[in-house]
N, C-alpha and C. Protein backbone atom coordinates (compact mmCIF):
# COMPACT_ATOMS: atom_id res chain seq x y z
N MET A 1 95.00 128.79 128.61
CA MET A 1 94.31 128.99 129.89
C MET A 1 95.33 129.27 130.99
N ILE A 2 95.04 130.28 131.79
CA ILE A 2 95.90 130.64 132.91
C ILE A 2 95.34 129.99 134.17
N CYS A 3 96.19 129.28 134.88
CA CYS A 3 95.78 128.62 136.12
C CYS A 3 96.36 129.40 137.30
N VAL A 4 95.46 129.93 138.15
CA VAL A 4 95.86 130.62 139.38
C VAL A 4 95.75 129.62 140.52
N LEU A 5 96.86 129.31 141.14
CA LEU A 5 96.90 128.32 142.21
C LEU A 5 96.40 128.94 143.52
N ASP A 6 95.71 128.13 144.31
CA ASP A 6 95.05 128.65 145.52
C ASP A 6 95.39 127.78 146.72
N TYR A 7 96.10 128.37 147.69
CA TYR A 7 96.37 127.66 148.94
C TYR A 7 95.77 128.39 150.13
N GLY A 8 94.74 129.21 149.85
CA GLY A 8 94.08 129.95 150.91
C GLY A 8 94.60 131.35 151.07
N SER A 9 95.35 131.83 150.07
CA SER A 9 95.89 133.19 150.12
C SER A 9 94.80 134.20 149.82
N GLY A 10 94.87 135.35 150.47
CA GLY A 10 93.80 136.34 150.39
C GLY A 10 93.64 137.04 149.07
N ASN A 11 94.69 137.07 148.22
CA ASN A 11 94.58 137.87 147.00
C ASN A 11 94.35 137.06 145.74
N VAL A 12 93.97 135.80 145.88
CA VAL A 12 93.71 134.95 144.71
C VAL A 12 92.57 135.53 143.87
N GLY A 13 91.51 135.95 144.54
CA GLY A 13 90.36 136.51 143.83
C GLY A 13 90.72 137.78 143.09
N SER A 14 91.58 138.62 143.69
CA SER A 14 91.99 139.86 143.04
C SER A 14 92.81 139.58 141.78
N VAL A 15 93.68 138.59 141.84
CA VAL A 15 94.47 138.21 140.66
C VAL A 15 93.54 137.67 139.57
N PHE A 16 92.61 136.82 139.96
CA PHE A 16 91.63 136.31 138.99
C PHE A 16 90.86 137.46 138.34
N ASN A 17 90.42 138.41 139.15
CA ASN A 17 89.59 139.51 138.64
C ASN A 17 90.33 140.37 137.63
N VAL A 18 91.60 140.69 137.90
CA VAL A 18 92.32 141.55 136.97
C VAL A 18 92.61 140.82 135.66
N LEU A 19 92.90 139.52 135.73
CA LEU A 19 93.14 138.76 134.51
C LEU A 19 91.85 138.59 133.70
N ASN A 20 90.76 138.39 134.41
CA ASN A 20 89.46 138.29 133.75
C ASN A 20 89.10 139.62 133.09
N PHE A 21 89.37 140.72 133.78
CA PHE A 21 89.13 142.06 133.26
C PHE A 21 89.94 142.30 131.98
N LEU A 22 91.16 141.77 131.95
CA LEU A 22 92.03 141.95 130.78
C LEU A 22 91.65 141.03 129.62
N GLY A 23 90.67 140.16 129.85
CA GLY A 23 90.15 139.32 128.77
C GLY A 23 90.78 137.95 128.62
N TYR A 24 91.52 137.51 129.62
CA TYR A 24 92.17 136.20 129.54
C TYR A 24 91.25 135.09 130.03
N ASP A 25 91.47 133.89 129.52
CA ASP A 25 90.80 132.69 130.01
C ASP A 25 91.55 132.25 131.27
N VAL A 26 90.92 132.42 132.42
CA VAL A 26 91.62 132.18 133.68
C VAL A 26 90.77 131.33 134.61
N LYS A 27 91.45 130.49 135.38
CA LYS A 27 90.76 129.57 136.28
C LYS A 27 91.53 129.48 137.59
N ILE A 28 90.82 129.51 138.71
CA ILE A 28 91.43 129.25 140.02
C ILE A 28 91.33 127.75 140.29
N SER A 29 92.47 127.09 140.39
CA SER A 29 92.42 125.63 140.53
C SER A 29 93.76 125.06 140.97
N ASN A 30 93.70 123.98 141.75
CA ASN A 30 94.88 123.19 142.09
C ASN A 30 94.79 121.79 141.48
N ASP A 31 93.78 121.57 140.64
CA ASP A 31 93.57 120.25 140.04
C ASP A 31 94.71 119.90 139.09
N ILE A 32 95.15 118.67 139.14
CA ILE A 32 96.26 118.21 138.30
C ILE A 32 95.98 118.47 136.83
N GLU A 33 94.77 118.17 136.39
CA GLU A 33 94.41 118.35 134.97
C GLU A 33 94.50 119.81 134.55
N ASP A 34 94.03 120.70 135.41
CA ASP A 34 94.08 122.13 135.08
C ASP A 34 95.52 122.64 135.05
N ILE A 35 96.34 122.18 135.96
CA ILE A 35 97.76 122.55 135.97
C ILE A 35 98.43 122.08 134.69
N GLN A 36 98.13 120.86 134.28
CA GLN A 36 98.73 120.29 133.08
C GLN A 36 98.22 120.96 131.80
N ASN A 37 96.97 121.38 131.79
CA ASN A 37 96.37 121.96 130.59
C ASN A 37 96.58 123.47 130.47
N SER A 38 97.14 124.08 131.49
CA SER A 38 97.31 125.53 131.47
C SER A 38 98.48 125.94 130.58
N SER A 39 98.42 127.18 130.10
CA SER A 39 99.55 127.75 129.34
C SER A 39 100.51 128.48 130.28
N HIS A 40 99.96 129.07 131.36
CA HIS A 40 100.73 129.82 132.35
C HIS A 40 100.21 129.48 133.74
N LEU A 41 101.10 129.53 134.72
CA LEU A 41 100.74 129.25 136.11
C LEU A 41 101.11 130.44 136.98
N ILE A 42 100.20 130.83 137.88
CA ILE A 42 100.45 131.96 138.77
C ILE A 42 100.19 131.54 140.21
N LEU A 43 101.14 131.86 141.09
CA LEU A 43 101.01 131.56 142.53
C LEU A 43 100.99 132.88 143.29
N PRO A 44 99.80 133.39 143.65
CA PRO A 44 99.72 134.61 144.45
C PRO A 44 100.13 134.31 145.90
N GLY A 45 100.24 135.37 146.69
CA GLY A 45 100.59 135.11 148.08
C GLY A 45 100.38 136.29 149.00
N VAL A 46 99.81 136.02 150.16
CA VAL A 46 99.70 136.97 151.26
C VAL A 46 99.94 136.18 152.54
N GLY A 47 100.86 136.65 153.38
CA GLY A 47 101.10 135.93 154.63
C GLY A 47 102.58 135.68 154.86
N ALA A 48 102.88 134.89 155.89
CA ALA A 48 104.25 134.60 156.28
C ALA A 48 104.79 133.39 155.51
N PHE A 49 106.11 133.36 155.35
CA PHE A 49 106.77 132.33 154.55
C PHE A 49 106.46 130.92 155.05
N LYS A 50 106.72 130.66 156.33
CA LYS A 50 106.59 129.30 156.84
C LYS A 50 105.16 128.79 156.76
N SER A 51 104.19 129.60 157.18
CA SER A 51 102.80 129.16 157.14
C SER A 51 102.33 128.99 155.69
N SER A 52 102.82 129.84 154.79
CA SER A 52 102.46 129.72 153.38
C SER A 52 103.00 128.43 152.79
N MET A 53 104.24 128.08 153.11
CA MET A 53 104.82 126.83 152.60
C MET A 53 104.05 125.62 153.09
N LYS A 54 103.63 125.64 154.35
CA LYS A 54 102.87 124.51 154.89
C LYS A 54 101.54 124.36 154.15
N LYS A 55 100.88 125.49 153.85
CA LYS A 55 99.62 125.45 153.11
C LYS A 55 99.83 124.97 151.68
N ILE A 56 100.92 125.41 151.06
CA ILE A 56 101.23 124.99 149.69
C ILE A 56 101.46 123.49 149.65
N GLU A 57 102.25 122.99 150.58
CA GLU A 57 102.54 121.55 150.63
C GLU A 57 101.27 120.73 150.84
N HIS A 58 100.32 121.31 151.59
CA HIS A 58 99.07 120.61 151.90
C HIS A 58 98.07 120.64 150.74
N SER A 59 98.07 121.73 149.95
CA SER A 59 96.97 121.92 149.01
C SER A 59 97.33 121.88 147.53
N ILE A 60 98.63 121.96 147.20
CA ILE A 60 99.04 122.00 145.80
C ILE A 60 99.91 120.78 145.49
N PRO A 61 99.64 120.08 144.38
CA PRO A 61 100.48 118.92 144.00
C PRO A 61 101.83 119.38 143.46
N ILE A 62 102.81 119.56 144.37
CA ILE A 62 104.09 120.15 144.00
C ILE A 62 104.85 119.30 142.98
N ASP A 63 104.72 117.98 143.06
CA ASP A 63 105.42 117.12 142.10
C ASP A 63 104.92 117.37 140.67
N ILE A 64 103.61 117.54 140.52
CA ILE A 64 103.03 117.82 139.20
C ILE A 64 103.44 119.22 138.75
N LEU A 65 103.40 120.17 139.67
CA LEU A 65 103.78 121.55 139.37
C LEU A 65 105.23 121.61 138.88
N GLU A 66 106.12 120.88 139.53
CA GLU A 66 107.53 120.88 139.15
C GLU A 66 107.74 120.24 137.78
N LYS A 67 106.96 119.23 137.45
CA LYS A 67 107.06 118.63 136.11
C LYS A 67 106.70 119.64 135.03
N GLU A 68 105.64 120.41 135.29
CA GLU A 68 105.17 121.39 134.31
C GLU A 68 106.14 122.58 134.20
N VAL A 69 106.63 123.05 135.34
CA VAL A 69 107.45 124.27 135.36
C VAL A 69 108.92 123.97 135.13
N ILE A 70 109.48 123.05 135.90
CA ILE A 70 110.91 122.76 135.81
C ILE A 70 111.24 121.90 134.60
N ASP A 71 110.49 120.82 134.41
CA ASP A 71 110.81 119.88 133.32
C ASP A 71 110.32 120.37 131.96
N LYS A 72 109.09 120.89 131.91
CA LYS A 72 108.50 121.29 130.62
C LYS A 72 108.69 122.76 130.28
N GLY A 73 109.10 123.57 131.27
CA GLY A 73 109.38 124.97 131.00
C GLY A 73 108.16 125.86 130.86
N LYS A 74 107.08 125.50 131.49
CA LYS A 74 105.86 126.33 131.43
C LYS A 74 106.08 127.64 132.20
N PRO A 75 105.67 128.79 131.63
CA PRO A 75 105.85 130.07 132.34
C PRO A 75 105.12 130.08 133.68
N PHE A 76 105.86 130.51 134.72
CA PHE A 76 105.35 130.52 136.09
C PHE A 76 105.64 131.88 136.71
N LEU A 77 104.64 132.40 137.46
CA LEU A 77 104.81 133.67 138.16
C LEU A 77 104.42 133.52 139.62
N GLY A 78 105.34 133.89 140.51
CA GLY A 78 105.03 133.96 141.93
C GLY A 78 104.89 135.41 142.35
N ILE A 79 103.85 135.73 143.10
CA ILE A 79 103.56 137.11 143.51
C ILE A 79 103.70 137.24 145.02
N CYS A 80 104.49 138.22 145.47
CA CYS A 80 104.71 138.53 146.89
C CYS A 80 105.23 137.29 147.62
N VAL A 81 104.49 136.71 148.55
CA VAL A 81 104.96 135.49 149.20
C VAL A 81 105.07 134.35 148.19
N GLY A 82 104.27 134.40 147.15
CA GLY A 82 104.38 133.42 146.06
C GLY A 82 105.72 133.51 145.36
N MET A 83 106.34 134.69 145.36
CA MET A 83 107.72 134.84 144.88
C MET A 83 108.70 134.32 145.92
N GLN A 84 108.47 134.67 147.18
CA GLN A 84 109.43 134.32 148.22
C GLN A 84 109.58 132.81 148.41
N VAL A 85 108.51 132.05 148.24
CA VAL A 85 108.61 130.60 148.43
C VAL A 85 109.42 129.92 147.33
N LEU A 86 109.81 130.67 146.29
CA LEU A 86 110.69 130.12 145.27
C LEU A 86 112.11 129.94 145.80
N ALA A 87 112.42 130.56 146.94
CA ALA A 87 113.77 130.52 147.51
C ALA A 87 114.09 129.16 148.13
N ASP A 88 115.35 128.99 148.47
CA ASP A 88 115.78 127.76 149.15
C ASP A 88 115.23 127.70 150.57
N THR A 89 115.33 128.83 151.28
CA THR A 89 114.87 128.88 152.67
C THR A 89 114.32 130.26 153.00
N GLY A 90 113.55 130.31 154.09
CA GLY A 90 113.06 131.58 154.62
C GLY A 90 113.06 131.51 156.13
N ASP A 91 113.22 132.68 156.78
CA ASP A 91 113.25 132.66 158.25
C ASP A 91 112.09 133.42 158.87
N GLU A 92 111.04 133.70 158.08
CA GLU A 92 109.85 134.35 158.64
C GLU A 92 108.94 133.30 159.26
N GLY A 93 108.76 133.39 160.57
CA GLY A 93 107.97 132.38 161.27
C GLY A 93 108.79 131.18 161.68
N GLY A 94 110.10 131.29 161.57
CA GLY A 94 110.99 130.17 161.86
C GLY A 94 111.60 129.63 160.59
N GLU A 95 112.80 129.10 160.67
CA GLU A 95 113.52 128.57 159.50
C GLU A 95 112.67 127.51 158.79
N CYS A 96 112.57 127.64 157.47
CA CYS A 96 111.72 126.72 156.70
C CYS A 96 112.25 126.62 155.28
N ASP A 97 112.20 125.43 154.73
CA ASP A 97 112.60 125.23 153.33
C ASP A 97 111.53 125.78 152.39
N GLY A 98 111.99 126.38 151.29
CA GLY A 98 111.09 126.80 150.23
C GLY A 98 111.11 125.79 149.09
N LEU A 99 110.61 126.19 147.94
CA LEU A 99 110.59 125.30 146.78
C LEU A 99 111.98 125.10 146.19
N GLY A 100 112.87 126.08 146.38
CA GLY A 100 114.23 125.95 145.88
C GLY A 100 114.36 126.09 144.37
N TRP A 101 113.45 126.82 143.74
CA TRP A 101 113.49 126.97 142.28
C TRP A 101 114.43 128.09 141.84
N ILE A 102 114.59 129.11 142.68
CA ILE A 102 115.55 130.18 142.41
C ILE A 102 116.44 130.30 143.65
N PRO A 103 117.75 130.08 143.51
CA PRO A 103 118.63 130.04 144.68
C PRO A 103 118.64 131.36 145.46
N GLY A 104 118.45 131.25 146.77
CA GLY A 104 118.47 132.42 147.62
C GLY A 104 117.75 132.18 148.94
N LYS A 105 117.73 133.22 149.77
CA LYS A 105 117.10 133.13 151.08
C LYS A 105 116.19 134.33 151.31
N ILE A 106 115.16 134.13 152.13
CA ILE A 106 114.24 135.21 152.49
C ILE A 106 114.60 135.71 153.87
N LYS A 107 114.89 137.02 153.95
CA LYS A 107 115.29 137.64 155.21
C LYS A 107 114.52 138.95 155.41
N LYS A 108 114.47 139.39 156.66
CA LYS A 108 113.82 140.66 156.98
C LYS A 108 114.53 141.82 156.30
N ILE A 109 113.75 142.79 155.84
CA ILE A 109 114.32 143.94 155.16
C ILE A 109 115.13 144.79 156.15
N ASN A 110 116.30 145.21 155.72
CA ASN A 110 117.09 146.18 156.47
C ASN A 110 116.61 147.56 156.04
N THR A 111 115.76 148.18 156.85
CA THR A 111 115.04 149.38 156.42
C THR A 111 115.73 150.68 156.78
N ASP A 112 116.83 150.65 157.55
CA ASP A 112 117.49 151.87 157.99
C ASP A 112 116.50 152.78 158.72
N ASP A 113 115.76 152.19 159.66
CA ASP A 113 114.81 152.89 160.54
C ASP A 113 113.48 153.26 159.88
N LEU A 114 113.27 152.91 158.62
CA LEU A 114 111.94 153.09 158.02
C LEU A 114 111.00 152.03 158.61
N PRO A 115 109.70 152.34 158.71
CA PRO A 115 108.78 151.39 159.34
C PRO A 115 108.55 150.14 158.51
N LEU A 116 108.27 149.05 159.20
CA LEU A 116 107.86 147.80 158.57
C LEU A 116 106.43 147.49 158.99
N PRO A 117 105.63 146.89 158.11
CA PRO A 117 106.00 146.47 156.76
C PRO A 117 106.18 147.65 155.79
N HIS A 118 106.86 147.36 154.70
CA HIS A 118 106.97 148.30 153.59
C HIS A 118 105.62 148.28 152.87
N ILE A 119 104.86 149.35 153.03
CA ILE A 119 103.52 149.43 152.44
C ILE A 119 103.44 150.68 151.58
N GLY A 120 102.97 150.50 150.35
CA GLY A 120 102.69 151.65 149.50
C GLY A 120 103.32 151.55 148.13
N TRP A 121 103.24 152.67 147.42
CA TRP A 121 103.69 152.74 146.02
C TRP A 121 105.16 153.12 145.96
N ASN A 122 105.89 152.40 145.12
CA ASN A 122 107.30 152.69 144.91
C ASN A 122 107.69 152.45 143.46
N ASN A 123 108.59 153.29 142.97
CA ASN A 123 109.13 153.09 141.63
C ASN A 123 110.20 152.00 141.66
N ILE A 124 110.15 151.11 140.70
CA ILE A 124 111.19 150.09 140.58
C ILE A 124 112.29 150.61 139.66
N GLU A 125 113.50 150.09 139.87
CA GLU A 125 114.62 150.38 138.99
C GLU A 125 114.94 149.12 138.19
N ILE A 126 114.82 149.22 136.88
CA ILE A 126 115.07 148.07 136.01
C ILE A 126 116.57 147.83 135.90
N ILE A 127 116.99 146.62 136.20
CA ILE A 127 118.40 146.23 136.15
C ILE A 127 118.73 145.54 134.84
N GLN A 128 117.84 144.67 134.40
CA GLN A 128 118.00 143.98 133.11
C GLN A 128 116.75 144.23 132.28
N ASP A 129 116.90 145.02 131.23
CA ASP A 129 115.75 145.31 130.38
C ASP A 129 115.43 144.08 129.53
N GLY A 130 114.19 144.03 129.02
CA GLY A 130 113.78 142.91 128.19
C GLY A 130 112.29 142.96 127.91
N ASP A 131 111.76 141.87 127.39
CA ASP A 131 110.36 141.82 126.96
C ASP A 131 109.37 142.06 128.10
N LEU A 132 109.76 141.74 129.32
CA LEU A 132 108.86 141.94 130.45
C LEU A 132 108.53 143.42 130.65
N PHE A 133 109.38 144.29 130.16
CA PHE A 133 109.21 145.74 130.38
C PHE A 133 108.79 146.48 129.11
N GLN A 134 108.21 145.77 128.16
CA GLN A 134 107.71 146.39 126.94
C GLN A 134 106.66 147.45 127.29
N GLY A 135 106.80 148.64 126.73
CA GLY A 135 105.82 149.70 126.95
C GLY A 135 105.94 150.40 128.29
N PHE A 136 107.07 150.25 128.98
CA PHE A 136 107.20 150.74 130.35
C PHE A 136 107.69 152.17 130.48
N LYS A 137 107.75 152.91 129.41
CA LYS A 137 108.19 154.30 129.50
C LYS A 137 107.26 155.08 130.44
N ASN A 138 107.83 155.61 131.53
CA ASN A 138 107.08 156.39 132.53
C ASN A 138 106.01 155.58 133.26
N VAL A 139 106.11 154.25 133.22
CA VAL A 139 105.14 153.40 133.94
C VAL A 139 105.92 152.38 134.75
N ASN A 140 106.29 152.73 135.98
CA ASN A 140 107.05 151.76 136.78
C ASN A 140 106.74 151.87 138.28
N ASP A 141 105.54 152.30 138.60
CA ASP A 141 105.14 152.51 139.99
C ASP A 141 104.25 151.36 140.45
N PHE A 142 104.69 150.62 141.47
CA PHE A 142 103.98 149.41 141.90
C PHE A 142 103.66 149.45 143.39
N TYR A 143 102.67 148.64 143.77
CA TYR A 143 102.19 148.63 145.15
C TYR A 143 102.82 147.46 145.92
N PHE A 144 103.48 147.79 147.02
CA PHE A 144 104.19 146.79 147.84
C PHE A 144 103.54 146.66 149.22
N VAL A 145 103.55 145.43 149.75
CA VAL A 145 103.17 145.16 151.14
C VAL A 145 104.01 143.97 151.61
N HIS A 146 105.10 144.24 152.35
CA HIS A 146 105.95 143.13 152.81
C HIS A 146 106.95 143.61 153.83
N SER A 147 107.45 142.67 154.62
CA SER A 147 108.50 142.95 155.61
C SER A 147 109.76 142.15 155.34
N TYR A 148 109.65 141.15 154.49
CA TYR A 148 110.78 140.28 154.16
C TYR A 148 111.09 140.39 152.67
N ALA A 149 112.33 140.06 152.30
CA ALA A 149 112.76 140.22 150.92
C ALA A 149 113.63 139.04 150.49
N PHE A 150 113.72 138.88 149.17
CA PHE A 150 114.47 137.79 148.55
C PHE A 150 115.93 138.21 148.37
N HIS A 151 116.83 137.49 149.04
CA HIS A 151 118.26 137.70 148.86
C HIS A 151 118.79 136.63 147.90
N LEU A 152 119.09 137.05 146.68
CA LEU A 152 119.48 136.11 145.63
C LEU A 152 120.91 135.60 145.82
N SER A 153 121.12 134.35 145.49
CA SER A 153 122.47 133.79 145.46
C SER A 153 123.21 134.21 144.20
N ASN A 154 122.45 134.45 143.12
CA ASN A 154 123.03 134.80 141.83
C ASN A 154 122.40 136.09 141.33
N SER A 155 123.21 137.15 141.21
CA SER A 155 122.68 138.44 140.78
C SER A 155 122.14 138.42 139.35
N GLU A 156 122.49 137.41 138.58
CA GLU A 156 121.97 137.30 137.21
C GLU A 156 120.46 137.06 137.20
N ASN A 157 119.91 136.64 138.33
CA ASN A 157 118.46 136.40 138.42
C ASN A 157 117.67 137.66 138.77
N LEU A 158 118.34 138.80 138.91
CA LEU A 158 117.67 140.04 139.28
C LEU A 158 117.31 140.85 138.04
N LEU A 159 116.02 141.19 137.90
CA LEU A 159 115.56 142.03 136.79
C LEU A 159 115.29 143.47 137.23
N ALA A 160 114.80 143.66 138.47
CA ALA A 160 114.48 145.01 138.94
C ALA A 160 114.55 145.05 140.46
N LYS A 161 114.84 146.24 140.98
CA LYS A 161 114.91 146.41 142.44
C LYS A 161 114.14 147.67 142.84
N VAL A 162 113.93 147.80 144.14
CA VAL A 162 113.27 148.98 144.70
C VAL A 162 114.06 149.38 145.94
N GLU A 163 114.06 150.66 146.25
CA GLU A 163 114.81 151.14 147.42
C GLU A 163 113.84 151.40 148.57
N TYR A 164 114.11 150.75 149.70
CA TYR A 164 113.34 151.01 150.91
C TYR A 164 114.28 150.85 152.10
N GLY A 165 115.06 151.88 152.36
CA GLY A 165 116.09 151.81 153.39
C GLY A 165 117.33 151.11 152.91
N SER A 166 117.14 150.11 152.07
CA SER A 166 118.21 149.39 151.39
C SER A 166 117.64 148.88 150.07
N ASP A 167 118.47 148.35 149.22
CA ASP A 167 117.97 147.78 147.97
C ASP A 167 117.19 146.50 148.25
N VAL A 168 116.00 146.42 147.66
CA VAL A 168 115.13 145.25 147.81
C VAL A 168 114.86 144.70 146.41
N ASN A 169 115.02 143.40 146.24
CA ASN A 169 114.77 142.78 144.94
C ASN A 169 113.28 142.76 144.65
N ALA A 170 112.88 143.41 143.56
CA ALA A 170 111.46 143.57 143.23
C ALA A 170 110.98 142.59 142.18
N ILE A 171 111.84 142.26 141.22
CA ILE A 171 111.49 141.29 140.17
C ILE A 171 112.68 140.36 139.96
N ILE A 172 112.42 139.07 140.02
CA ILE A 172 113.47 138.08 139.79
C ILE A 172 113.02 137.13 138.69
N LYS A 173 114.01 136.46 138.09
CA LYS A 173 113.69 135.53 137.00
C LYS A 173 114.80 134.49 136.88
N LYS A 174 114.39 133.27 136.66
CA LYS A 174 115.32 132.21 136.27
C LYS A 174 114.64 131.38 135.20
N ASP A 175 115.16 131.45 133.99
CA ASP A 175 114.56 130.73 132.86
C ASP A 175 113.09 131.15 132.67
N ASN A 176 112.17 130.23 132.86
CA ASN A 176 110.73 130.48 132.67
C ASN A 176 110.02 130.86 133.97
N ILE A 177 110.78 131.05 135.05
CA ILE A 177 110.20 131.31 136.37
C ILE A 177 110.42 132.76 136.76
N PHE A 178 109.31 133.47 137.04
CA PHE A 178 109.35 134.89 137.40
C PHE A 178 108.82 135.08 138.82
N GLY A 179 109.30 136.12 139.48
CA GLY A 179 108.78 136.49 140.79
C GLY A 179 108.63 137.99 140.90
N PHE A 180 107.46 138.45 141.36
CA PHE A 180 107.20 139.87 141.62
C PHE A 180 107.01 140.05 143.11
N GLN A 181 107.80 140.92 143.75
CA GLN A 181 107.61 141.19 145.17
C GLN A 181 106.39 142.07 145.41
N PHE A 182 106.07 142.92 144.46
CA PHE A 182 104.90 143.80 144.56
C PHE A 182 103.63 143.05 144.14
N HIS A 183 102.50 143.72 144.26
CA HIS A 183 101.21 143.14 143.88
C HIS A 183 100.75 143.76 142.56
N PRO A 184 100.94 143.07 141.43
CA PRO A 184 100.50 143.64 140.16
C PRO A 184 98.99 143.82 140.09
N GLU A 185 98.26 142.97 140.80
CA GLU A 185 96.79 143.06 140.78
C GLU A 185 96.27 144.30 141.49
N LYS A 186 97.15 144.95 142.28
CA LYS A 186 96.77 146.18 142.98
C LYS A 186 97.49 147.41 142.40
N SER A 187 98.26 147.20 141.34
CA SER A 187 99.14 148.25 140.83
C SER A 187 98.61 148.95 139.59
N GLN A 188 97.32 148.84 139.36
CA GLN A 188 96.64 149.59 138.31
C GLN A 188 97.32 149.41 136.96
N ARG A 189 97.59 150.52 136.25
CA ARG A 189 98.08 150.43 134.88
C ARG A 189 99.40 149.66 134.77
N ALA A 190 100.34 149.97 135.66
CA ALA A 190 101.64 149.30 135.61
C ALA A 190 101.49 147.80 135.86
N GLY A 191 100.65 147.44 136.81
CA GLY A 191 100.42 146.04 137.11
C GLY A 191 99.78 145.29 135.96
N GLN A 192 98.80 145.92 135.33
CA GLN A 192 98.15 145.28 134.18
C GLN A 192 99.12 145.09 133.03
N LEU A 193 99.97 146.09 132.82
CA LEU A 193 100.94 146.01 131.72
C LEU A 193 101.95 144.89 131.94
N ILE A 194 102.47 144.77 133.17
CA ILE A 194 103.49 143.75 133.40
C ILE A 194 102.88 142.34 133.39
N LEU A 195 101.62 142.23 133.81
CA LEU A 195 100.94 140.92 133.70
C LEU A 195 100.76 140.54 132.23
N LYS A 196 100.35 141.49 131.40
CA LYS A 196 100.21 141.22 129.96
C LYS A 196 101.55 140.77 129.37
N ASN A 197 102.61 141.46 129.75
CA ASN A 197 103.93 141.11 129.21
C ASN A 197 104.36 139.72 129.67
N PHE A 198 104.10 139.39 130.93
CA PHE A 198 104.41 138.03 131.39
C PHE A 198 103.64 136.99 130.60
N LEU A 199 102.37 137.27 130.34
CA LEU A 199 101.52 136.30 129.64
C LEU A 199 101.84 136.18 128.16
N ASN A 200 102.72 137.05 127.65
CA ASN A 200 103.19 136.93 126.27
C ASN A 200 104.33 135.93 126.16
N PHE A 201 104.90 135.51 127.31
CA PHE A 201 105.95 134.48 127.28
C PHE A 201 105.29 133.12 127.05
N SER A 202 105.94 132.30 126.28
CA SER A 202 105.40 130.96 126.01
C SER A 202 106.52 129.93 125.99
């Protein structure tokens, strides 16, 4: 069972719908029992870093989540702001601590005069190939909506990047923890494929 965590983010329903469409057993829940009984955990996100962290702290049992993800190694995926809150800190909306699961900081994109937010379809460049990119020949176009990006402390955690005025980290990973800066639920075929590949991790 896939548990989609909900802290009031706008795209939770869209993530649920695409997983349901793909035939997975999926549930939107923050209940301790559902988190513990799930095979995979997904944290979607729309909004600013600081306000999102406050909502997460208020609505999700982080201690239970950390036991399942950090201690037990359950596959976890953060999407957009759900990826960004994996960082140590973020400065969107004021300096704020993140979950600290993947070392790094969230900073505004250096766009070289391109408009913000970065909205639209962009091809990602795969840096570290692997099982997450199974079947990806000619399928790497994803939908982005963001103004801030994840600056990693360790480049070994980078799987793919995208260019938008400067290099922007698009997919990150540390052990069983994944982060997508784009929205796979809005990325049609490519998004469905990468979600399937993530859900093959156990």
